[in-house]
Amino acid sequence: MKTITQLLVALAFLPAVVLSQDQVTDENSQGEWLEIQLHASQQEKREWWRHLDLEQLNAYLQAGAEVNVADKRKWTPLHSAARYNPDPEILVALLQAGAVVGARNKARDTPLHWAAAENTNVDILTTLIEAGADVNARDRFGWLPIHTAAEGNSNPEVIEVLLAAGSKRNKRAYFVLFRPAFLLKHNANISDTDKKTAMALLKKSK
């Protein structure tokens, strides 16, 4: 069986090389898939998923890859793909293979939480939402996907997509108003937060 390091080297340093179906569907393919999904570090998963293309994924799926396998933190392949891969077709393939769009990890994050937080391709969010992802799902801290987007995503269009899909503007939670001008444009109540108003947060940040 190939080690994780060998797999990552092949993908990270030779991204133009596409594994053939014969290469992926050998007797080691399931072991390689499970090793990445269950035992790789988050950094290793990031590199693996970032370089995975649709042909490679389809070969793993045709070999019987388990799309809802979860590691000790209950991260599923869909969590990783939504967070790291810019190609919406990767998500479509996982969803068509039975991936649960609303899967929760130990922090109660859904794939949409992580797509909103870090993936700058709005088509990733649209794919999840069209598949039934809940834009108002709370994690264990009460955060919605729009909160993770406001805190971490560099593409403001991500927030536009979430608002258009029905994300609540004034949801009480640990609300992060890192982009108050954007939210005010959409008539957000900037005082509607737990314990601290947005104005207080803005004054504190000056």
N, C-alpha and C. Protein backbone atom coordinates (compact mmCIF):
# COMPACT_ATOMS: atom_id res chain seq x y z
N MET A 1 0.84 -1.20 0.00
CA MET A 1 0.00 0.00 0.00
C MET A 1 0.88 1.25 0.00
N LYS A 2 0.51 2.23 -0.80
CA LYS A 2 1.27 3.46 -0.83
C LYS A 2 1.06 4.23 0.46
N THR A 3 2.10 4.92 0.90
CA THR A 3 1.97 5.74 2.09
C THR A 3 1.28 7.05 1.73
N ILE A 4 0.79 7.76 2.75
CA ILE A 4 0.17 9.06 2.51
C ILE A 4 1.17 10.00 1.84
N THR A 5 2.42 9.97 2.33
CA THR A 5 3.45 10.85 1.76
C THR A 5 3.64 10.60 0.28
N GLN A 6 3.67 9.33 -0.12
CA GLN A 6 3.82 9.01 -1.53
C GLN A 6 2.65 9.54 -2.36
N LEU A 7 1.46 9.40 -1.81
CA LEU A 7 0.28 9.89 -2.52
C LEU A 7 0.33 11.40 -2.67
N LEU A 8 0.72 12.10 -1.59
CA LEU A 8 0.75 13.55 -1.62
C LEU A 8 1.83 14.06 -2.55
N VAL A 9 2.97 13.41 -2.56
CA VAL A 9 4.04 13.82 -3.46
C VAL A 9 3.58 13.71 -4.91
N ALA A 10 2.91 12.62 -5.21
CA ALA A 10 2.43 12.41 -6.59
C ALA A 10 1.46 13.49 -7.00
N LEU A 11 0.59 13.89 -6.07
CA LEU A 11 -0.42 14.88 -6.40
C LEU A 11 0.11 16.30 -6.33
N ALA A 12 0.93 16.60 -5.33
CA ALA A 12 1.39 17.97 -5.11
C ALA A 12 2.44 18.40 -6.13
N PHE A 13 3.33 17.50 -6.49
CA PHE A 13 4.43 17.87 -7.36
C PHE A 13 4.20 17.49 -8.82
N LEU A 14 3.23 16.64 -9.08
CA LEU A 14 2.90 16.28 -10.45
C LEU A 14 1.41 16.45 -10.69
N PRO A 15 0.88 17.69 -10.49
CA PRO A 15 -0.56 17.88 -10.60
C PRO A 15 -1.11 17.64 -12.00
N ALA A 16 -0.23 17.70 -13.01
CA ALA A 16 -0.71 17.49 -14.38
C ALA A 16 -0.90 16.02 -14.71
N VAL A 17 -0.33 15.16 -13.87
CA VAL A 17 -0.44 13.72 -14.11
C VAL A 17 -1.77 13.23 -13.58
N VAL A 18 -2.60 12.68 -14.44
CA VAL A 18 -3.89 12.15 -14.02
C VAL A 18 -3.79 10.64 -13.91
N LEU A 19 -4.13 10.12 -12.74
CA LEU A 19 -4.09 8.68 -12.57
C LEU A 19 -5.11 8.02 -13.49
N SER A 20 -4.71 6.99 -14.16
CA SER A 20 -5.64 6.27 -15.01
C SER A 20 -6.57 5.45 -14.14
N GLN A 21 -7.69 5.05 -14.70
CA GLN A 21 -8.64 4.23 -13.95
C GLN A 21 -7.99 2.92 -13.51
N ASP A 22 -7.13 2.36 -14.36
CA ASP A 22 -6.45 1.10 -14.00
C ASP A 22 -5.54 1.28 -12.79
N GLN A 23 -4.91 2.45 -12.70
CA GLN A 23 -4.02 2.71 -11.57
C GLN A 23 -4.78 2.83 -10.26
N VAL A 24 -5.97 3.43 -10.32
CA VAL A 24 -6.74 3.67 -9.11
C VAL A 24 -7.55 2.46 -8.70
N THR A 25 -8.01 1.69 -9.64
CA THR A 25 -8.91 0.59 -9.31
C THR A 25 -8.17 -0.71 -9.04
N ASP A 26 -6.91 -0.65 -8.64
CA ASP A 26 -6.23 -1.87 -8.26
C ASP A 26 -6.63 -2.25 -6.84
N GLU A 27 -6.05 -3.33 -6.33
CA GLU A 27 -6.46 -3.85 -5.03
C GLU A 27 -6.11 -2.92 -3.87
N ASN A 28 -5.24 -1.93 -4.12
CA ASN A 28 -4.83 -1.02 -3.06
C ASN A 28 -5.69 0.24 -2.98
N SER A 29 -6.58 0.45 -3.96
CA SER A 29 -7.29 1.72 -4.04
C SER A 29 -8.12 2.02 -2.80
N GLN A 30 -8.84 1.02 -2.29
CA GLN A 30 -9.65 1.24 -1.11
C GLN A 30 -8.79 1.57 0.11
N GLY A 31 -7.66 0.90 0.22
CA GLY A 31 -6.76 1.20 1.33
C GLY A 31 -6.22 2.61 1.26
N GLU A 32 -5.89 3.06 0.05
CA GLU A 32 -5.39 4.41 -0.13
C GLU A 32 -6.46 5.44 0.20
N TRP A 33 -7.67 5.21 -0.27
CA TRP A 33 -8.79 6.12 0.01
C TRP A 33 -9.04 6.22 1.51
N LEU A 34 -9.11 5.09 2.18
CA LEU A 34 -9.39 5.10 3.62
C LEU A 34 -8.23 5.70 4.41
N GLU A 35 -7.01 5.47 3.95
CA GLU A 35 -5.85 6.03 4.65
C GLU A 35 -5.90 7.56 4.64
N ILE A 36 -6.26 8.12 3.49
CA ILE A 36 -6.37 9.57 3.39
C ILE A 36 -7.53 10.10 4.23
N GLN A 37 -8.70 9.49 4.08
CA GLN A 37 -9.90 10.01 4.76
C GLN A 37 -9.84 9.83 6.27
N LEU A 38 -9.25 8.73 6.74
CA LEU A 38 -9.29 8.40 8.16
C LEU A 38 -8.04 8.79 8.94
N HIS A 39 -6.88 8.77 8.28
CA HIS A 39 -5.64 8.90 9.04
C HIS A 39 -4.76 10.08 8.65
N ALA A 40 -5.05 10.73 7.55
CA ALA A 40 -4.21 11.86 7.13
C ALA A 40 -4.44 13.06 8.04
N SER A 41 -3.41 13.88 8.20
CA SER A 41 -3.56 15.14 8.94
C SER A 41 -4.39 16.10 8.11
N GLN A 42 -4.84 17.20 8.73
CA GLN A 42 -5.63 18.18 7.99
C GLN A 42 -4.81 18.79 6.85
N GLN A 43 -3.53 19.03 7.08
CA GLN A 43 -2.67 19.57 6.03
C GLN A 43 -2.54 18.58 4.88
N GLU A 44 -2.39 17.31 5.19
CA GLU A 44 -2.28 16.30 4.15
C GLU A 44 -3.58 16.18 3.36
N LYS A 45 -4.70 16.26 4.08
CA LYS A 45 -5.99 16.22 3.38
C LYS A 45 -6.13 17.43 2.47
N ARG A 46 -5.71 18.59 2.94
CA ARG A 46 -5.82 19.80 2.12
C ARG A 46 -5.08 19.62 0.79
N GLU A 47 -3.85 19.14 0.85
CA GLU A 47 -3.08 18.97 -0.38
C GLU A 47 -3.70 17.90 -1.27
N TRP A 48 -4.17 16.82 -0.67
CA TRP A 48 -4.75 15.72 -1.45
C TRP A 48 -6.02 16.17 -2.15
N TRP A 49 -6.92 16.79 -1.41
CA TRP A 49 -8.19 17.21 -2.00
C TRP A 49 -8.02 18.39 -2.95
N ARG A 50 -7.09 19.25 -2.69
CA ARG A 50 -6.87 20.41 -3.56
C ARG A 50 -6.42 19.98 -4.95
N HIS A 51 -5.67 18.88 -5.03
CA HIS A 51 -5.14 18.43 -6.31
C HIS A 51 -5.96 17.30 -6.95
N LEU A 52 -6.94 16.79 -6.25
CA LEU A 52 -7.75 15.71 -6.80
C LEU A 52 -8.64 16.23 -7.92
N ASP A 53 -8.64 15.55 -9.06
CA ASP A 53 -9.52 15.97 -10.15
C ASP A 53 -10.66 14.97 -10.31
N LEU A 54 -11.59 15.32 -11.20
CA LEU A 54 -12.81 14.53 -11.33
C LEU A 54 -12.53 13.12 -11.84
N GLU A 55 -11.61 12.97 -12.77
CA GLU A 55 -11.31 11.64 -13.31
C GLU A 55 -10.75 10.73 -12.21
N GLN A 56 -9.88 11.29 -11.39
CA GLN A 56 -9.32 10.51 -10.28
C GLN A 56 -10.41 10.11 -9.29
N LEU A 57 -11.26 11.08 -8.93
CA LEU A 57 -12.33 10.79 -7.97
C LEU A 57 -13.27 9.73 -8.52
N ASN A 58 -13.66 9.86 -9.78
CA ASN A 58 -14.57 8.88 -10.36
C ASN A 58 -13.98 7.48 -10.35
N ALA A 59 -12.68 7.39 -10.54
CA ALA A 59 -12.03 6.08 -10.50
C ALA A 59 -12.11 5.48 -9.11
N TYR A 60 -11.89 6.31 -8.08
CA TYR A 60 -12.03 5.81 -6.70
C TYR A 60 -13.48 5.39 -6.43
N LEU A 61 -14.43 6.20 -6.89
CA LEU A 61 -15.83 5.87 -6.65
C LEU A 61 -16.23 4.58 -7.36
N GLN A 62 -15.76 4.39 -8.57
CA GLN A 62 -16.07 3.17 -9.30
C GLN A 62 -15.43 1.95 -8.64
N ALA A 63 -14.37 2.19 -7.88
CA ALA A 63 -13.73 1.09 -7.15
C ALA A 63 -14.41 0.81 -5.82
N GLY A 64 -15.46 1.60 -5.52
CA GLY A 64 -16.22 1.36 -4.30
C GLY A 64 -15.87 2.23 -3.12
N ALA A 65 -15.26 3.39 -3.34
CA ALA A 65 -14.89 4.28 -2.24
C ALA A 65 -16.12 4.66 -1.41
N GLU A 66 -15.99 4.59 -0.09
CA GLU A 66 -17.08 4.93 0.83
C GLU A 66 -17.13 6.45 1.00
N VAL A 67 -18.21 7.06 0.49
CA VAL A 67 -18.27 8.52 0.46
C VAL A 67 -18.68 9.14 1.79
N ASN A 68 -19.18 8.34 2.72
CA ASN A 68 -19.59 8.88 4.02
C ASN A 68 -18.69 8.41 5.16
N VAL A 69 -17.52 7.89 4.82
CA VAL A 69 -16.58 7.49 5.86
C VAL A 69 -16.15 8.74 6.63
N ALA A 70 -16.02 8.62 7.96
CA ALA A 70 -15.68 9.77 8.79
C ALA A 70 -14.49 9.46 9.67
N ASP A 71 -13.61 10.46 9.84
CA ASP A 71 -12.45 10.27 10.71
C ASP A 71 -12.84 10.49 12.17
N LYS A 72 -11.87 10.54 13.06
CA LYS A 72 -12.17 10.64 14.49
C LYS A 72 -12.82 11.97 14.86
N ARG A 73 -12.69 12.97 13.98
CA ARG A 73 -13.36 14.25 14.21
C ARG A 73 -14.67 14.34 13.43
N LYS A 74 -15.05 13.20 12.84
CA LYS A 74 -16.28 13.07 12.06
C LYS A 74 -16.27 13.92 10.79
N TRP A 75 -15.08 14.16 10.27
CA TRP A 75 -14.96 14.81 8.97
C TRP A 75 -15.22 13.78 7.88
N THR A 76 -16.09 14.13 6.95
CA THR A 76 -16.39 13.27 5.81
C THR A 76 -15.66 13.79 4.57
N PRO A 77 -15.59 12.98 3.52
CA PRO A 77 -15.01 13.48 2.27
C PRO A 77 -15.69 14.75 1.76
N LEU A 78 -17.01 14.88 1.97
CA LEU A 78 -17.70 16.07 1.50
C LEU A 78 -17.26 17.31 2.26
N HIS A 79 -16.99 17.19 3.57
CA HIS A 79 -16.43 18.32 4.32
C HIS A 79 -15.13 18.79 3.67
N SER A 80 -14.24 17.83 3.39
CA SER A 80 -12.93 18.17 2.83
C SER A 80 -13.04 18.75 1.43
N ALA A 81 -13.87 18.15 0.60
CA ALA A 81 -14.03 18.65 -0.76
C ALA A 81 -14.62 20.05 -0.77
N ALA A 82 -15.62 20.29 0.08
CA ALA A 82 -16.25 21.60 0.15
C ALA A 82 -15.27 22.67 0.62
N ARG A 83 -14.39 22.28 1.50
CA ARG A 83 -13.42 23.23 2.05
C ARG A 83 -12.27 23.51 1.08
N TYR A 84 -11.76 22.49 0.42
CA TYR A 84 -10.49 22.62 -0.29
C TYR A 84 -10.55 22.62 -1.80
N ASN A 85 -11.53 21.96 -2.42
CA ASN A 85 -11.48 21.77 -3.87
C ASN A 85 -12.33 22.83 -4.57
N PRO A 86 -11.79 23.50 -5.60
CA PRO A 86 -12.54 24.56 -6.28
C PRO A 86 -13.49 24.08 -7.37
N ASP A 87 -13.51 22.77 -7.64
CA ASP A 87 -14.32 22.24 -8.74
C ASP A 87 -15.66 21.72 -8.22
N PRO A 88 -16.77 22.37 -8.57
CA PRO A 88 -18.08 21.90 -8.09
C PRO A 88 -18.43 20.50 -8.58
N GLU A 89 -17.83 20.06 -9.69
CA GLU A 89 -18.12 18.72 -10.20
C GLU A 89 -17.63 17.64 -9.23
N ILE A 90 -16.61 17.96 -8.44
CA ILE A 90 -16.15 17.02 -7.42
C ILE A 90 -17.26 16.80 -6.40
N LEU A 91 -17.91 17.88 -5.98
CA LEU A 91 -19.01 17.76 -5.02
C LEU A 91 -20.20 17.04 -5.64
N VAL A 92 -20.50 17.35 -6.90
CA VAL A 92 -21.61 16.69 -7.58
C VAL A 92 -21.38 15.18 -7.61
N ALA A 93 -20.16 14.76 -7.92
CA ALA A 93 -19.86 13.33 -7.98
C ALA A 93 -20.04 12.67 -6.62
N LEU A 94 -19.57 13.33 -5.56
CA LEU A 94 -19.73 12.78 -4.21
C LEU A 94 -21.21 12.70 -3.82
N LEU A 95 -21.96 13.74 -4.13
CA LEU A 95 -23.38 13.77 -3.79
C LEU A 95 -24.15 12.70 -4.56
N GLN A 96 -23.84 12.55 -5.83
CA GLN A 96 -24.51 11.52 -6.63
C GLN A 96 -24.17 10.12 -6.15
N ALA A 97 -23.01 9.99 -5.51
CA ALA A 97 -22.60 8.69 -4.97
C ALA A 97 -23.17 8.44 -3.58
N GLY A 98 -23.94 9.40 -3.06
CA GLY A 98 -24.61 9.19 -1.79
C GLY A 98 -24.08 9.98 -0.61
N ALA A 99 -23.16 10.92 -0.84
CA ALA A 99 -22.64 11.73 0.27
C ALA A 99 -23.76 12.52 0.92
N VAL A 100 -23.77 12.58 2.24
CA VAL A 100 -24.81 13.28 2.99
C VAL A 100 -24.48 14.77 3.03
N VAL A 101 -25.34 15.59 2.42
CA VAL A 101 -25.05 17.02 2.29
C VAL A 101 -25.04 17.73 3.63
N GLY A 102 -25.81 17.21 4.59
CA GLY A 102 -25.88 17.85 5.90
C GLY A 102 -25.07 17.15 6.96
N ALA A 103 -24.06 16.38 6.57
CA ALA A 103 -23.23 15.66 7.54
C ALA A 103 -22.62 16.63 8.54
N ARG A 104 -22.53 16.19 9.80
CA ARG A 104 -21.98 17.03 10.87
C ARG A 104 -20.70 16.42 11.40
N ASN A 105 -19.70 17.28 11.61
CA ASN A 105 -18.50 16.79 12.29
C ASN A 105 -18.68 16.99 13.80
N LYS A 106 -17.63 16.77 14.58
CA LYS A 106 -17.76 16.86 16.04
C LYS A 106 -18.13 18.26 16.50
N ALA A 107 -17.72 19.26 15.73
CA ALA A 107 -18.06 20.65 16.07
C ALA A 107 -19.43 21.04 15.52
N ARG A 108 -20.14 20.06 14.95
CA ARG A 108 -21.47 20.27 14.37
C ARG A 108 -21.42 21.11 13.09
N ASP A 109 -20.23 21.23 12.50
CA ASP A 109 -20.11 21.94 11.23
C ASP A 109 -20.63 21.06 10.09
N THR A 110 -21.33 21.67 9.16
CA THR A 110 -21.72 21.00 7.92
C THR A 110 -20.69 21.33 6.84
N PRO A 111 -20.71 20.61 5.73
CA PRO A 111 -19.83 20.99 4.61
C PRO A 111 -20.04 22.44 4.18
N LEU A 112 -21.28 22.94 4.28
CA LEU A 112 -21.55 24.32 3.88
C LEU A 112 -20.83 25.31 4.79
N HIS A 113 -20.72 25.00 6.08
CA HIS A 113 -19.97 25.89 6.99
C HIS A 113 -18.54 26.09 6.47
N TRP A 114 -17.90 24.99 6.04
CA TRP A 114 -16.51 25.08 5.62
C TRP A 114 -16.36 25.63 4.21
N ALA A 115 -17.31 25.36 3.35
CA ALA A 115 -17.28 25.99 2.03
C ALA A 115 -17.41 27.51 2.19
N ALA A 116 -18.32 27.93 3.07
CA ALA A 116 -18.51 29.36 3.30
C ALA A 116 -17.28 30.00 3.93
N ALA A 117 -16.61 29.27 4.78
CA ALA A 117 -15.46 29.82 5.49
C ALA A 117 -14.24 30.01 4.60
N GLU A 118 -13.99 29.06 3.68
CA GLU A 118 -12.69 29.06 3.01
C GLU A 118 -12.72 28.92 1.49
N ASN A 119 -13.79 28.41 0.91
CA ASN A 119 -13.78 28.18 -0.53
C ASN A 119 -14.29 29.44 -1.25
N THR A 120 -13.47 30.02 -2.08
CA THR A 120 -13.83 31.28 -2.73
C THR A 120 -14.66 31.10 -4.00
N ASN A 121 -14.87 29.86 -4.42
CA ASN A 121 -15.69 29.60 -5.60
C ASN A 121 -17.15 29.50 -5.17
N VAL A 122 -17.96 30.48 -5.56
CA VAL A 122 -19.36 30.49 -5.12
C VAL A 122 -20.14 29.31 -5.68
N ASP A 123 -19.66 28.73 -6.77
CA ASP A 123 -20.36 27.57 -7.34
C ASP A 123 -20.33 26.37 -6.39
N ILE A 124 -19.32 26.33 -5.52
CA ILE A 124 -19.27 25.26 -4.52
C ILE A 124 -20.45 25.41 -3.57
N LEU A 125 -20.69 26.63 -3.10
CA LEU A 125 -21.81 26.87 -2.19
C LEU A 125 -23.13 26.60 -2.89
N THR A 126 -23.25 27.08 -4.13
CA THR A 126 -24.49 26.89 -4.88
C THR A 126 -24.79 25.40 -5.06
N THR A 127 -23.77 24.62 -5.33
CA THR A 127 -23.95 23.18 -5.50
C THR A 127 -24.49 22.55 -4.22
N LEU A 128 -23.92 22.91 -3.09
CA LEU A 128 -24.38 22.36 -1.81
C LEU A 128 -25.80 22.80 -1.50
N ILE A 129 -26.08 24.07 -1.72
CA ILE A 129 -27.42 24.61 -1.43
C ILE A 129 -28.47 23.95 -2.31
N GLU A 130 -28.17 23.80 -3.59
CA GLU A 130 -29.12 23.15 -4.51
C GLU A 130 -29.33 21.68 -4.15
N ALA A 131 -28.36 21.10 -3.46
CA ALA A 131 -28.49 19.70 -3.03
C ALA A 131 -29.22 19.58 -1.69
N GLY A 132 -29.61 20.73 -1.13
CA GLY A 132 -30.39 20.70 0.10
C GLY A 132 -29.68 21.15 1.36
N ALA A 133 -28.48 21.71 1.24
CA ALA A 133 -27.76 22.19 2.43
C ALA A 133 -28.55 23.30 3.10
N ASP A 134 -28.59 23.28 4.43
CA ASP A 134 -29.33 24.26 5.21
C ASP A 134 -28.46 25.48 5.47
N VAL A 135 -28.85 26.63 4.90
CA VAL A 135 -28.05 27.84 5.07
C VAL A 135 -28.16 28.41 6.48
N ASN A 136 -29.12 27.92 7.26
CA ASN A 136 -29.28 28.38 8.64
C ASN A 136 -28.94 27.31 9.67
N ALA A 137 -28.14 26.33 9.25
CA ALA A 137 -27.69 25.30 10.19
C ALA A 137 -26.71 25.92 11.19
N ARG A 138 -26.85 25.57 12.46
CA ARG A 138 -25.95 26.07 13.50
C ARG A 138 -24.91 25.01 13.83
N ASP A 139 -23.68 25.48 14.09
CA ASP A 139 -22.70 24.57 14.64
C ASP A 139 -22.82 24.59 16.17
N ARG A 140 -21.91 23.96 16.88
CA ARG A 140 -22.07 23.85 18.33
C ARG A 140 -21.88 25.19 19.04
N PHE A 141 -21.32 26.18 18.34
CA PHE A 141 -21.16 27.51 18.92
C PHE A 141 -22.28 28.45 18.51
N GLY A 142 -23.23 27.93 17.74
CA GLY A 142 -24.33 28.76 17.27
C GLY A 142 -24.05 29.49 15.97
N TRP A 143 -22.92 29.21 15.36
CA TRP A 143 -22.57 29.90 14.12
C TRP A 143 -23.31 29.30 12.93
N LEU A 144 -23.73 30.20 12.03
CA LEU A 144 -24.31 29.82 10.75
C LEU A 144 -23.22 29.90 9.68
N PRO A 145 -23.47 29.32 8.51
CA PRO A 145 -22.49 29.48 7.43
C PRO A 145 -22.16 30.93 7.10
N ILE A 146 -23.15 31.83 7.22
CA ILE A 146 -22.87 33.23 6.91
C ILE A 146 -21.89 33.84 7.91
N HIS A 147 -21.89 33.34 9.14
CA HIS A 147 -20.93 33.83 10.14
C HIS A 147 -19.52 33.40 9.76
N THR A 148 -19.36 32.14 9.36
CA THR A 148 -18.02 31.67 8.99
C THR A 148 -17.55 32.37 7.72
N ALA A 149 -18.49 32.70 6.83
CA ALA A 149 -18.12 33.44 5.61
C ALA A 149 -17.65 34.85 5.96
N ALA A 150 -18.39 35.52 6.85
CA ALA A 150 -18.03 36.89 7.23
C ALA A 150 -16.69 36.93 7.94
N GLU A 151 -16.38 35.89 8.68
CA GLU A 151 -15.12 35.86 9.42
C GLU A 151 -13.93 35.52 8.54
N GLY A 152 -14.10 34.55 7.63
CA GLY A 152 -12.91 34.01 7.00
C GLY A 152 -12.80 34.07 5.49
N ASN A 153 -13.90 34.28 4.75
CA ASN A 153 -13.82 34.15 3.29
C ASN A 153 -13.47 35.49 2.64
N SER A 154 -12.52 35.47 1.73
CA SER A 154 -12.07 36.69 1.07
C SER A 154 -12.97 37.13 -0.08
N ASN A 155 -13.93 36.30 -0.45
CA ASN A 155 -14.82 36.62 -1.57
C ASN A 155 -16.18 37.05 -1.03
N PRO A 156 -16.54 38.34 -1.11
CA PRO A 156 -17.83 38.80 -0.59
C PRO A 156 -19.03 38.21 -1.30
N GLU A 157 -18.83 37.68 -2.51
CA GLU A 157 -19.95 37.07 -3.23
C GLU A 157 -20.48 35.84 -2.51
N VAL A 158 -19.65 35.23 -1.68
CA VAL A 158 -20.09 34.09 -0.88
C VAL A 158 -21.25 34.50 0.02
N ILE A 159 -21.14 35.68 0.64
CA ILE A 159 -22.21 36.18 1.50
C ILE A 159 -23.45 36.48 0.68
N GLU A 160 -23.26 37.03 -0.52
CA GLU A 160 -24.39 37.29 -1.42
C GLU A 160 -25.17 36.01 -1.69
N VAL A 161 -24.45 34.93 -1.97
CA VAL A 161 -25.09 33.65 -2.28
C VAL A 161 -25.89 33.15 -1.08
N LEU A 162 -25.32 33.25 0.10
CA LEU A 162 -26.00 32.78 1.32
C LEU A 162 -27.24 33.61 1.61
N LEU A 163 -27.14 34.92 1.44
CA LEU A 163 -28.31 35.78 1.65
C LEU A 163 -29.41 35.48 0.64
N ALA A 164 -29.02 35.29 -0.61
CA ALA A 164 -30.01 34.99 -1.65
C ALA A 164 -30.70 33.66 -1.40
N ALA A 165 -30.01 32.76 -0.71
CA ALA A 165 -30.57 31.44 -0.41
C ALA A 165 -31.39 31.43 0.87
N GLY A 166 -31.51 32.58 1.53
CA GLY A 166 -32.36 32.67 2.70
C GLY A 166 -31.66 32.70 4.03
N SER A 167 -30.35 32.92 4.04
CA SER A 167 -29.65 33.01 5.32
C SER A 167 -30.21 34.17 6.13
N LYS A 168 -30.42 33.95 7.40
CA LYS A 168 -30.99 34.98 8.26
C LYS A 168 -29.95 36.05 8.55
N ARG A 169 -30.34 37.29 8.32
CA ARG A 169 -29.42 38.41 8.51
C ARG A 169 -29.22 38.74 9.98
N ASN A 170 -30.27 38.58 10.79
CA ASN A 170 -30.22 39.05 12.16
C ASN A 170 -30.24 37.93 13.18
N LYS A 171 -29.74 36.77 12.76
CA LYS A 171 -29.78 35.61 13.65
C LYS A 171 -28.95 35.86 14.90
N ARG A 172 -29.54 35.59 16.08
CA ARG A 172 -28.78 35.73 17.33
C ARG A 172 -27.80 34.57 17.45
N ALA A 173 -26.54 34.91 17.61
CA ALA A 173 -25.47 33.92 17.75
C ALA A 173 -24.22 34.70 18.12
N TYR A 174 -23.08 34.06 18.03
CA TYR A 174 -21.82 34.78 18.20
C TYR A 174 -21.52 35.43 16.86
N PHE A 175 -22.23 36.52 16.60
CA PHE A 175 -22.29 37.08 15.26
C PHE A 175 -21.04 37.90 14.96
N VAL A 176 -20.36 37.56 13.88
CA VAL A 176 -19.13 38.23 13.52
C VAL A 176 -19.41 39.24 12.42
N LEU A 177 -19.36 40.52 12.76
CA LEU A 177 -19.62 41.55 11.77
C LEU A 177 -18.29 42.15 11.30
N PHE A 178 -17.50 41.33 10.63
CA PHE A 178 -16.22 41.80 10.13
C PHE A 178 -16.41 42.62 8.86
N ARG A 179 -17.61 42.55 8.29
CA ARG A 179 -17.91 43.32 7.09
C ARG A 179 -19.20 44.09 7.32
N PRO A 180 -19.21 45.02 8.26
CA PRO A 180 -20.45 45.72 8.62
C PRO A 180 -21.05 46.50 7.47
N ALA A 181 -20.21 47.09 6.61
CA ALA A 181 -20.75 47.86 5.49
C ALA A 181 -21.57 46.98 4.57
N PHE A 182 -21.07 45.77 4.33
CA PHE A 182 -21.80 44.84 3.45
C PHE A 182 -23.13 44.46 4.07
N LEU A 183 -23.12 44.14 5.37
CA LEU A 183 -24.35 43.71 6.02
C LEU A 183 -25.35 44.85 6.15
N LEU A 184 -24.86 46.08 6.38
CA LEU A 184 -25.76 47.23 6.43
C LEU A 184 -26.42 47.46 5.07
N LYS A 185 -25.68 47.20 4.01
CA LYS A 185 -26.23 47.32 2.66
C LYS A 185 -27.43 46.41 2.50
N HIS A 186 -27.39 45.27 3.22
CA HIS A 186 -28.49 44.31 3.14
C HIS A 186 -29.44 44.43 4.33
N ASN A 187 -29.44 45.61 4.97
CA ASN A 187 -30.39 45.93 6.03
C ASN A 187 -30.26 45.05 7.26
N ALA A 188 -29.06 44.62 7.57
CA ALA A 188 -28.86 43.85 8.79
C ALA A 188 -29.01 44.75 10.00
N ASN A 189 -29.59 44.23 11.06
CA ASN A 189 -29.69 44.96 12.33
C ASN A 189 -28.37 44.80 13.05
N ILE A 190 -27.54 45.83 13.07
CA ILE A 190 -26.19 45.70 13.58
C ILE A 190 -26.14 45.64 15.10
N SER A 191 -27.28 45.77 15.77
CA SER A 191 -27.31 45.61 17.22
C SER A 191 -27.81 44.24 17.64
N ASP A 192 -28.16 43.41 16.69
CA ASP A 192 -28.78 42.12 17.00
C ASP A 192 -27.72 41.04 17.17
N THR A 193 -27.05 41.07 18.31
CA THR A 193 -26.04 40.07 18.61
C THR A 193 -26.16 39.66 20.05
N ASP A 194 -25.45 38.63 20.44
CA ASP A 194 -25.43 38.22 21.84
C ASP A 194 -24.42 39.06 22.61
N LYS A 195 -24.90 39.76 23.62
CA LYS A 195 -24.09 40.45 24.62
C LYS A 195 -23.37 41.68 24.08
N LYS A 196 -22.74 41.62 22.93
CA LYS A 196 -22.01 42.76 22.40
C LYS A 196 -22.66 43.22 21.10
N THR A 197 -22.89 44.54 21.00
CA THR A 197 -23.45 45.06 19.76
C THR A 197 -22.35 45.19 18.73
N ALA A 198 -22.76 45.28 17.47
CA ALA A 198 -21.78 45.44 16.40
C ALA A 198 -21.02 46.75 16.57
N MET A 199 -21.73 47.81 17.00
CA MET A 199 -21.07 49.09 17.20
C MET A 199 -19.96 48.96 18.25
N ALA A 200 -20.23 48.22 19.31
CA ALA A 200 -19.22 48.02 20.35
C ALA A 200 -18.02 47.27 19.80
N LEU A 201 -18.28 46.27 18.97
CA LEU A 201 -17.19 45.51 18.37
C LEU A 201 -16.37 46.39 17.44
N LEU A 202 -17.05 47.26 16.69
CA LEU A 202 -16.34 48.14 15.78
C LEU A 202 -15.46 49.13 16.53
N LYS A 203 -16.00 49.70 17.63
CA LYS A 203 -15.22 50.64 18.42
C LYS A 203 -14.00 49.96 19.03
N LYS A 204 -14.20 48.71 19.48
CA LYS A 204 -13.11 47.96 20.09
C LYS A 204 -12.01 47.67 19.08
N SER A 205 -12.39 47.50 17.82
CA SER A 205 -11.42 47.12 16.80
C SER A 205 -10.61 48.31 16.28
N LYS A 206 -11.02 49.53 16.61
CA LYS A 206 -10.32 50.72 16.11
C LYS A 206 -9.00 50.93 16.85
